[in-house]
Amino acid sequence: VLGVHIAAPGLAIAPGDALDAVGRARLSTVYMPGHKIT
């Protein structure tokens, strides 16, 4: 039995709440050498 386990922010963050608004505004972490914007 292989398990693939994924972190579950979706169990706490709800669509439409304040943290969802932050995630939806940014949409992704930004990567670049030496730095990232989460």
PDB file of all heavy atoms in Angstrom:
ATOM      1  N   VAL A   1       0.858  -1.187   0.000  1.00  0.00           N
ATOM      2  CA  VAL A   1       0.000   0.000   0.000  1.00  0.00           C
ATOM      3  C   VAL A   1       0.893   1.235   0.000  1.00  0.00           C
ATOM      4  O   VAL A   1       1.643   1.482   0.952  1.00  0.00           O
ATOM      5  CB  VAL A   1      -0.948   0.017   1.212  1.00  0.00           C
ATOM      6  CG1 VAL A   1      -1.807   1.285   1.188  1.00  0.00           C
ATOM      7  CG2 VAL A   1      -1.834  -1.220   1.218  1.00  0.00           C
ATOM      8  N   LEU A   2       0.822   1.989  -1.092  1.00  0.00           N
ATOM      9  CA  LEU A   2       1.549   3.257  -1.232  1.00  0.00           C
ATOM     10  C   LEU A   2       0.683   4.384  -0.705  1.00  0.00           C
ATOM     11  O   LEU A   2      -0.504   4.477  -1.048  1.00  0.00           O
ATOM     12  CB  LEU A   2       1.888   3.498  -2.705  1.00  0.00           C
ATOM     13  CG  LEU A   2       2.268   4.927  -3.096  1.00  0.00           C
ATOM     14  CD1 LEU A   2       3.657   5.265  -2.586  1.00  0.00           C
ATOM     15  CD2 LEU A   2       2.183   5.121  -4.615  1.00  0.00           C
ATOM     16  N   GLY A   3       1.244   5.231   0.147  1.00  0.00           N
ATOM     17  CA  GLY A   3       0.531   6.417   0.619  1.00  0.00           C
ATOM     18  C   GLY A   3       1.150   7.681   0.051  1.00  0.00           C
ATOM     19  O   GLY A   3       2.368   7.864   0.126  1.00  0.00           O
ATOM     20  N   VAL A   4       0.331   8.533  -0.552  1.00  0.00           N
ATOM     21  CA  VAL A   4       0.756   9.878  -0.970  1.00  0.00           C
ATOM     22  C   VAL A   4      -0.012  10.853  -0.091  1.00  0.00           C
ATOM     23  O   VAL A   4      -1.243  10.925  -0.150  1.00  0.00           O
ATOM     24  CB  VAL A   4       0.463  10.143  -2.460  1.00  0.00           C
ATOM     25  CG1 VAL A   4       0.916  11.551  -2.839  1.00  0.00           C
ATOM     26  CG2 VAL A   4       1.160   9.106  -3.342  1.00  0.00           C
ATOM     27  N   HIS A   5       0.723  11.567   0.772  1.00  0.00           N
ATOM     28  CA  HIS A   5       0.102  12.399   1.808  1.00  0.00           C
ATOM     29  C   HIS A   5       0.343  13.874   1.485  1.00  0.00           C
ATOM     30  O   HIS A   5       1.489  14.297   1.342  1.00  0.00           O
ATOM     31  CB  HIS A   5       0.684  12.046   3.174  1.00  0.00           C
ATOM     32  CG  HIS A   5       0.717  10.570   3.445  1.00  0.00           C
ATOM     33  ND1 HIS A   5      -0.407   9.863   3.814  1.00  0.00           N
ATOM     34  CD2 HIS A   5       1.726   9.658   3.369  1.00  0.00           C
ATOM     35  CE1 HIS A   5      -0.082   8.580   3.970  1.00  0.00           C
ATOM     36  NE2 HIS A   5       1.200   8.436   3.700  1.00  0.00           N
ATOM     37  N   ILE A   6      -0.742  14.631   1.383  1.00  0.00           N
ATOM     38  CA  ILE A   6      -0.664  16.032   0.974  1.00  0.00           C
ATOM     39  C   ILE A   6      -1.122  16.925   2.129  1.00  0.00           C
ATOM     40  O   ILE A   6      -2.156  16.673   2.748  1.00  0.00           O
ATOM     41  CB  ILE A   6      -1.553  16.293  -0.265  1.00  0.00           C
ATOM     42  CG1 ILE A   6      -1.199  15.321  -1.392  1.00  0.00           C
ATOM     43  CG2 ILE A   6      -1.406  17.742  -0.725  1.00  0.00           C
ATOM     44  CD1 ILE A   6       0.243  15.364  -1.860  1.00  0.00           C
ATOM     45  N   ALA A   7      -0.312  17.952   2.428  1.00  0.00           N
ATOM     46  CA  ALA A   7      -0.675  18.924   3.470  1.00  0.00           C
ATOM     47  C   ALA A   7      -2.093  19.431   3.227  1.00  0.00           C
ATOM     48  O   ALA A   7      -2.516  19.602   2.079  1.00  0.00           O
ATOM     49  CB  ALA A   7       0.313  20.085   3.458  1.00  0.00           C
ATOM     50  N   ALA A   8      -2.825  19.687   4.303  1.00  0.00           N
ATOM     51  CA  ALA A   8      -4.262  19.934   4.176  1.00  0.00           C
ATOM     52  C   ALA A   8      -4.712  21.308   4.683  1.00  0.00           C
ATOM     53  O   ALA A   8      -5.546  21.397   5.588  1.00  0.00           O
ATOM     54  CB  ALA A   8      -5.031  18.834   4.909  1.00  0.00           C
ATOM     55  N   PRO A   9      -4.186  22.411   4.099  1.00  0.00           N
ATOM     56  CA  PRO A   9      -4.724  23.723   4.493  1.00  0.00           C
ATOM     57  C   PRO A   9      -6.201  23.851   4.168  1.00  0.00           C
ATOM     58  O   PRO A   9      -6.924  24.628   4.796  1.00  0.00           O
ATOM     59  CB  PRO A   9      -3.889  24.712   3.661  1.00  0.00           C
ATOM     60  CG  PRO A   9      -3.401  23.913   2.489  1.00  0.00           C
ATOM     61  CD  PRO A   9      -3.175  22.533   3.028  1.00  0.00           C
ATOM     62  N   GLY A  10      -6.687  23.037   3.200  1.00  0.00           N
ATOM     63  CA  GLY A  10      -8.097  23.094   2.827  1.00  0.00           C
ATOM     64  C   GLY A  10      -9.043  22.629   3.919  1.00  0.00           C
ATOM     65  O   GLY A  10     -10.248  22.873   3.834  1.00  0.00           O
ATOM     66  N   LEU A  11      -8.505  21.953   4.966  1.00  0.00           N
ATOM     67  CA  LEU A  11      -9.354  21.571   6.101  1.00  0.00           C
ATOM     68  C   LEU A  11      -9.584  22.742   7.050  1.00  0.00           C
ATOM     69  O   LEU A  11     -10.469  22.682   7.905  1.00  0.00           O
ATOM     70  CB  LEU A  11      -8.703  20.418   6.873  1.00  0.00           C
ATOM     71  CG  LEU A  11      -8.705  19.052   6.179  1.00  0.00           C
ATOM     72  CD1 LEU A  11      -7.854  18.059   6.969  1.00  0.00           C
ATOM     73  CD2 LEU A  11     -10.134  18.520   6.023  1.00  0.00           C
ATOM     74  N   ALA A  12      -8.765  23.799   6.932  1.00  0.00           N
ATOM     75  CA  ALA A  12      -8.877  24.945   7.844  1.00  0.00           C
ATOM     76  C   ALA A  12      -9.280  26.225   7.119  1.00  0.00           C
ATOM     77  O   ALA A  12     -10.125  26.986   7.598  1.00  0.00           O
ATOM     78  CB  ALA A  12      -7.541  25.156   8.562  1.00  0.00           C
ATOM     79  N   ILE A  13      -8.665  26.473   5.977  1.00  0.00           N
ATOM     80  CA  ILE A  13      -9.000  27.665   5.194  1.00  0.00           C
ATOM     81  C   ILE A  13     -10.275  27.370   4.415  1.00  0.00           C
ATOM     82  O   ILE A  13     -10.387  26.323   3.774  1.00  0.00           O
ATOM     83  CB  ILE A  13      -7.852  28.018   4.226  1.00  0.00           C
ATOM     84  CG1 ILE A  13      -6.557  28.272   5.002  1.00  0.00           C
ATOM     85  CG2 ILE A  13      -8.211  29.231   3.380  1.00  0.00           C
ATOM     86  CD1 ILE A  13      -5.321  28.401   4.118  1.00  0.00           C
ATOM     87  N   ALA A  14     -11.236  28.284   4.470  1.00  0.00           N
ATOM     88  CA  ALA A  14     -12.511  28.079   3.781  1.00  0.00           C
ATOM     89  C   ALA A  14     -12.633  29.066   2.628  1.00  0.00           C
ATOM     90  O   ALA A  14     -12.143  30.198   2.719  1.00  0.00           O
ATOM     91  CB  ALA A  14     -13.677  28.266   4.749  1.00  0.00           C
ATOM     92  N   PRO A  15     -13.286  28.657   1.524  1.00  0.00           N
ATOM     93  CA  PRO A  15     -13.501  29.602   0.418  1.00  0.00           C
ATOM     94  C   PRO A  15     -14.212  30.857   0.915  1.00  0.00           C
ATOM     95  O   PRO A  15     -15.210  30.776   1.627  1.00  0.00           O
ATOM     96  CB  PRO A  15     -14.400  28.809  -0.546  1.00  0.00           C
ATOM     97  CG  PRO A  15     -14.125  27.375  -0.236  1.00  0.00           C
ATOM     98  CD  PRO A  15     -13.854  27.321   1.241  1.00  0.00           C
ATOM     99  N   GLY A  16     -13.637  32.000   0.572  1.00  0.00           N
ATOM    100  CA  GLY A  16     -14.248  33.272   0.950  1.00  0.00           C
ATOM    101  C   GLY A  16     -13.735  33.878   2.234  1.00  0.00           C
ATOM    102  O   GLY A  16     -14.057  35.026   2.545  1.00  0.00           O
ATOM    103  N   ASP A  17     -12.925  33.142   3.030  1.00  0.00           N
ATOM    104  CA  ASP A  17     -12.427  33.736   4.268  1.00  0.00           C
ATOM    105  C   ASP A  17     -11.183  34.589   3.999  1.00  0.00           C
ATOM    106  O   ASP A  17     -10.731  34.714   2.850  1.00  0.00           O
ATOM    107  CB  ASP A  17     -12.200  32.683   5.357  1.00  0.00           C
ATOM    108  CG  ASP A  17     -11.006  31.762   5.075  1.00  0.00           C
ATOM    109  OD1 ASP A  17     -10.215  32.055   4.166  1.00  0.00           O
ATOM    110  OD2 ASP A  17     -10.876  30.743   5.783  1.00  0.00           O
ATOM    111  N   ALA A  18     -10.628  35.200   5.054  1.00  0.00           N
ATOM    112  CA  ALA A  18      -9.550  36.176   4.884  1.00  0.00           C
ATOM    113  C   ALA A  18      -8.289  35.550   4.288  1.00  0.00           C
ATOM    114  O   ALA A  18      -7.625  36.144   3.419  1.00  0.00           O
ATOM    115  CB  ALA A  18      -9.229  36.829   6.234  1.00  0.00           C
ATOM    116  N   LEU A  19      -7.945  34.333   4.733  1.00  0.00           N
ATOM    117  CA  LEU A  19      -6.754  33.676   4.188  1.00  0.00           C
ATOM    118  C   LEU A  19      -6.966  33.245   2.743  1.00  0.00           C
ATOM    119  O   LEU A  19      -6.038  33.294   1.926  1.00  0.00           O
ATOM    120  CB  LEU A  19      -6.376  32.463   5.038  1.00  0.00           C
ATOM    121  CG  LEU A  19      -5.364  32.716   6.151  1.00  0.00           C
ATOM    122  CD1 LEU A  19      -5.143  31.450   6.970  1.00  0.00           C
ATOM    123  CD2 LEU A  19      -4.035  33.209   5.584  1.00  0.00           C
ATOM    124  N   ASP A  20      -8.185  32.841   2.426  1.00  0.00           N
ATOM    125  CA  ASP A  20      -8.485  32.513   1.034  1.00  0.00           C
ATOM    126  C   ASP A  20      -8.291  33.743   0.154  1.00  0.00           C
ATOM    127  O   ASP A  20      -7.747  33.640  -0.959  1.00  0.00           O
ATOM    128  CB  ASP A  20      -9.913  32.001   0.912  1.00  0.00           C
ATOM    129  CG  ASP A  20     -10.352  31.826  -0.535  1.00  0.00           C
ATOM    130  OD1 ASP A  20      -9.558  31.283  -1.327  1.00  0.00           O
ATOM    131  OD2 ASP A  20     -11.464  32.243  -0.887  1.00  0.00           O
ATOM    132  N   ALA A  21      -8.697  34.906   0.635  1.00  0.00           N
ATOM    133  CA  ALA A  21      -8.533  36.144  -0.144  1.00  0.00           C
ATOM    134  C   ALA A  21      -7.061  36.423  -0.422  1.00  0.00           C
ATOM    135  O   ALA A  21      -6.685  36.857  -1.515  1.00  0.00           O
ATOM    136  CB  ALA A  21      -9.177  37.316   0.597  1.00  0.00           C
ATOM    137  N   VAL A  22      -6.202  36.155   0.571  1.00  0.00           N
ATOM    138  CA  VAL A  22      -4.756  36.345   0.386  1.00  0.00           C
ATOM    139  C   VAL A  22      -4.233  35.387  -0.679  1.00  0.00           C
ATOM    140  O   VAL A  22      -3.507  35.780  -1.601  1.00  0.00           O
ATOM    141  CB  VAL A  22      -4.007  36.127   1.724  1.00  0.00           C
ATOM    142  CG1 VAL A  22      -2.505  36.008   1.494  1.00  0.00           C
ATOM    143  CG2 VAL A  22      -4.302  37.277   2.678  1.00  0.00           C
ATOM    144  N   GLY A  23      -4.601  34.103  -0.552  1.00  0.00           N
ATOM    145  CA  GLY A  23      -4.146  33.115  -1.529  1.00  0.00           C
ATOM    146  C   GLY A  23      -4.654  33.414  -2.917  1.00  0.00           C
ATOM    147  O   GLY A  23      -3.909  33.303  -3.906  1.00  0.00           O
ATOM    148  N   ARG A  24      -5.906  33.839  -3.013  1.00  0.00           N
ATOM    149  CA  ARG A  24      -6.488  34.109  -4.330  1.00  0.00           C
ATOM    150  C   ARG A  24      -5.877  35.361  -4.960  1.00  0.00           C
ATOM    151  O   ARG A  24      -5.802  35.472  -6.191  1.00  0.00           O
ATOM    152  CB  ARG A  24      -7.999  34.253  -4.207  1.00  0.00           C
ATOM    153  CG  ARG A  24      -8.663  34.418  -5.550  1.00  0.00           C
ATOM    154  CD  ARG A  24     -10.125  34.093  -5.530  1.00  0.00           C
ATOM    155  NE  ARG A  24     -10.712  34.346  -6.834  1.00  0.00           N
ATOM    156  CZ  ARG A  24     -11.972  34.125  -7.138  1.00  0.00           C
ATOM    157  NH1 ARG A  24     -12.795  33.636  -6.232  1.00  0.00           N
ATOM    158  NH2 ARG A  24     -12.429  34.384  -8.340  1.00  0.00           N
ATOM    159  N   ALA A  25      -5.442  36.305  -4.137  1.00  0.00           N
ATOM    160  CA  ALA A  25      -4.793  37.502  -4.680  1.00  0.00           C
ATOM    161  C   ALA A  25      -3.410  37.172  -5.247  1.00  0.00           C
ATOM    162  O   ALA A  25      -2.991  37.727  -6.256  1.00  0.00           O
ATOM    163  CB  ALA A  25      -4.690  38.572  -3.593  1.00  0.00           C
ATOM    164  N   ARG A  26      -2.700  36.248  -4.590  1.00  0.00           N
ATOM    165  CA  ARG A  26      -1.327  35.918  -5.027  1.00  0.00           C
ATOM    166  C   ARG A  26      -1.287  34.769  -6.017  1.00  0.00           C
ATOM    167  O   ARG A  26      -0.452  34.758  -6.909  1.00  0.00           O
ATOM    168  CB  ARG A  26      -0.478  35.585  -3.808  1.00  0.00           C
ATOM    169  CG  ARG A  26      -0.400  36.750  -2.833  1.00  0.00           C
ATOM    170  CD  ARG A  26       0.828  36.693  -1.980  1.00  0.00           C
ATOM    171  NE  ARG A  26       0.953  37.910  -1.202  1.00  0.00           N
ATOM    172  CZ  ARG A  26       2.025  38.288  -0.546  1.00  0.00           C
ATOM    173  NH1 ARG A  26       3.097  37.513  -0.556  1.00  0.00           N
ATOM    174  NH2 ARG A  26       2.063  39.410   0.124  1.00  0.00           N
ATOM    175  N   LEU A  27      -2.117  33.742  -5.773  1.00  0.00           N
ATOM    176  CA  LEU A  27      -2.319  32.611  -6.680  1.00  0.00           C
ATOM    177  C   LEU A  27      -1.177  31.603  -6.727  1.00  0.00           C
ATOM    178  O   LEU A  27      -1.371  30.453  -7.087  1.00  0.00           O
ATOM    179  CB  LEU A  27      -2.637  33.104  -8.106  1.00  0.00           C
ATOM    180  CG  LEU A  27      -3.995  33.816  -8.198  1.00  0.00           C
ATOM    181  CD1 LEU A  27      -4.067  34.668  -9.448  1.00  0.00           C
ATOM    182  CD2 LEU A  27      -5.136  32.799  -8.201  1.00  0.00           C
ATOM    183  N   SER A  28       0.026  32.016  -6.368  1.00  0.00           N
ATOM    184  CA  SER A  28       1.150  31.078  -6.387  1.00  0.00           C
ATOM    185  C   SER A  28       2.305  31.699  -5.618  1.00  0.00           C
ATOM    186  O   SER A  28       2.385  32.917  -5.475  1.00  0.00           O
ATOM    187  CB  SER A  28       1.582  30.790  -7.826  1.00  0.00           C
ATOM    188  OG  SER A  28       2.790  30.050  -7.856  1.00  0.00           O
ATOM    189  N   THR A  29       3.204  30.843  -5.124  1.00  0.00           N
ATOM    190  CA  THR A  29       4.489  31.326  -4.619  1.00  0.00           C
ATOM    191  C   THR A  29       5.341  31.743  -5.815  1.00  0.00           C
ATOM    192  O   THR A  29       5.301  31.096  -6.863  1.00  0.00           O
ATOM    193  CB  THR A  29       5.194  30.226  -3.805  1.00  0.00           C
ATOM    194  OG1 THR A  29       4.467  30.025  -2.582  1.00  0.00           O
ATOM    195  CG2 THR A  29       6.632  30.596  -3.461  1.00  0.00           C
ATOM    196  N   VAL A  30       6.075  32.838  -5.661  1.00  0.00           N
ATOM    197  CA  VAL A  30       6.973  33.325  -6.720  1.00  0.00           C
ATOM    198  C   VAL A  30       8.396  32.893  -6.372  1.00  0.00           C
ATOM    199  O   VAL A  30       8.879  33.181  -5.271  1.00  0.00           O
ATOM    200  CB  VAL A  30       6.923  34.861  -6.835  1.00  0.00           C
ATOM    201  CG1 VAL A  30       7.715  35.330  -8.050  1.00  0.00           C
ATOM    202  CG2 VAL A  30       5.495  35.365  -6.904  1.00  0.00           C
ATOM    203  N   TYR A  31       9.059  32.219  -7.296  1.00  0.00           N
ATOM    204  CA  TYR A  31      10.425  31.752  -7.068  1.00  0.00           C
ATOM    205  C   TYR A  31      11.404  32.554  -7.918  1.00  0.00           C
ATOM    206  O   TYR A  31      11.097  32.922  -9.055  1.00  0.00           O
ATOM    207  CB  TYR A  31      10.551  30.265  -7.409  1.00  0.00           C
ATOM    208  CG  TYR A  31       9.708  29.384  -6.527  1.00  0.00           C
ATOM    209  CD1 TYR A  31       8.445  28.960  -6.929  1.00  0.00           C
ATOM    210  CD2 TYR A  31      10.160  28.992  -5.269  1.00  0.00           C
ATOM    211  CE1 TYR A  31       7.666  28.166  -6.114  1.00  0.00           C
ATOM    212  CE2 TYR A  31       9.381  28.197  -4.447  1.00  0.00           C
ATOM    213  CZ  TYR A  31       8.138  27.781  -4.875  1.00  0.00           C
ATOM    214  OH  TYR A  31       7.361  27.000  -4.055  1.00  0.00           O
ATOM    215  N   MET A  32      12.579  32.804  -7.363  1.00  0.00           N
ATOM    216  CA  MET A  32      13.673  33.433  -8.094  1.00  0.00           C
ATOM    217  C   MET A  32      14.952  33.123  -7.336  1.00  0.00           C
ATOM    218  O   MET A  32      14.896  32.763  -6.148  1.00  0.00           O
ATOM    219  CB  MET A  32      13.454  34.949  -8.199  1.00  0.00           C
ATOM    220  CG  MET A  32      13.491  35.691  -6.868  1.00  0.00           C
ATOM    221  SD  MET A  32      12.569  37.230  -6.870  1.00  0.00           S
ATOM    222  CE  MET A  32      10.918  36.627  -6.462  1.00  0.00           C
ATOM    223  N   PRO A  33      16.123  33.194  -7.961  1.00  0.00           N
ATOM    224  CA  PRO A  33      17.369  32.891  -7.238  1.00  0.00           C
ATOM    225  C   PRO A  33      17.509  33.734  -5.973  1.00  0.00           C
ATOM    226  O   PRO A  33      17.377  34.959  -6.008  1.00  0.00           O
ATOM    227  CB  PRO A  33      18.450  33.244  -8.264  1.00  0.00           C
ATOM    228  CG  PRO A  33      17.794  33.010  -9.588  1.00  0.00           C
ATOM    229  CD  PRO A  33      16.375  33.470  -9.393  1.00  0.00           C
ATOM    230  N   GLY A  34      17.742  33.055  -4.850  1.00  0.00           N
ATOM    231  CA  GLY A  34      18.013  33.739  -3.596  1.00  0.00           C
ATOM    232  C   GLY A  34      16.815  34.277  -2.855  1.00  0.00           C
ATOM    233  O   GLY A  34      16.960  34.848  -1.776  1.00  0.00           O
ATOM    234  N   HIS A  35      15.605  34.109  -3.402  1.00  0.00           N
ATOM    235  CA  HIS A  35      14.448  34.724  -2.758  1.00  0.00           C
ATOM    236  C   HIS A  35      13.166  34.065  -3.263  1.00  0.00           C
ATOM    237  O   HIS A  35      13.145  33.467  -4.333  1.00  0.00           O
ATOM    238  CB  HIS A  35      14.411  36.223  -3.085  1.00  0.00           C
ATOM    239  CG  HIS A  35      13.458  37.015  -2.233  1.00  0.00           C
ATOM    240  ND1 HIS A  35      13.450  36.954  -0.858  1.00  0.00           N
ATOM    241  CD2 HIS A  35      12.471  37.883  -2.569  1.00  0.00           C
ATOM    242  CE1 HIS A  35      12.515  37.767  -0.382  1.00  0.00           C
ATOM    243  NE2 HIS A  35      11.903  38.330  -1.408  1.00  0.00           N
ATOM    244  N   LYS A  36      12.103  34.180  -2.460  1.00  0.00           N
ATOM    245  CA  LYS A  36      10.777  33.783  -2.919  1.00  0.00           C
ATOM    246  C   LYS A  36       9.733  34.621  -2.198  1.00  0.00           C
ATOM    247  O   LYS A  36       9.969  35.125  -1.085  1.00  0.00           O
ATOM    248  CB  LYS A  36      10.534  32.290  -2.690  1.00  0.00           C
ATOM    249  CG  LYS A  36      10.456  31.853  -1.241  1.00  0.00           C
ATOM    250  CD  LYS A  36      10.209  30.346  -1.159  1.00  0.00           C
ATOM    251  CE  LYS A  36      10.184  29.878   0.297  1.00  0.00           C
ATOM    252  NZ  LYS A  36       9.979  28.415   0.402  1.00  0.00           N
ATOM    253  N   ILE A  37       8.601  34.789  -2.838  1.00  0.00           N
ATOM    254  CA  ILE A  37       7.456  35.465  -2.239  1.00  0.00           C
ATOM    255  C   ILE A  37       6.380  34.408  -2.087  1.00  0.00           C
ATOM    256  O   ILE A  37       5.850  33.904  -3.084  1.00  0.00           O
ATOM    257  CB  ILE A  37       6.948  36.619  -3.128  1.00  0.00           C
ATOM    258  CG1 ILE A  37       8.062  37.619  -3.425  1.00  0.00           C
ATOM    259  CG2 ILE A  37       5.771  37.328  -2.461  1.00  0.00           C
ATOM    260  CD1 ILE A  37       7.679  38.652  -4.477  1.00  0.00           C
ATOM    261  N   THR A  38       6.088  34.026  -0.854  1.00  0.00           N
ATOM    262  CA  THR A  38       5.185  32.900  -0.645  1.00  0.00           C
ATOM    263  C   THR A  38       3.726  33.300  -0.874  1.00  0.00           C
ATOM    264  O   THR A  38       3.349  34.458  -0.709  1.00  0.00           O
ATOM    265  CB  THR A  38       5.335  32.323   0.771  1.00  0.00           C
ATOM    266  OG1 THR A  38       5.088  33.360   1.727  1.00  0.00           O
ATOM    267  CG2 THR A  38       6.739  31.771   0.977  1.00  0.00           C
TER     268      THR A  38
END
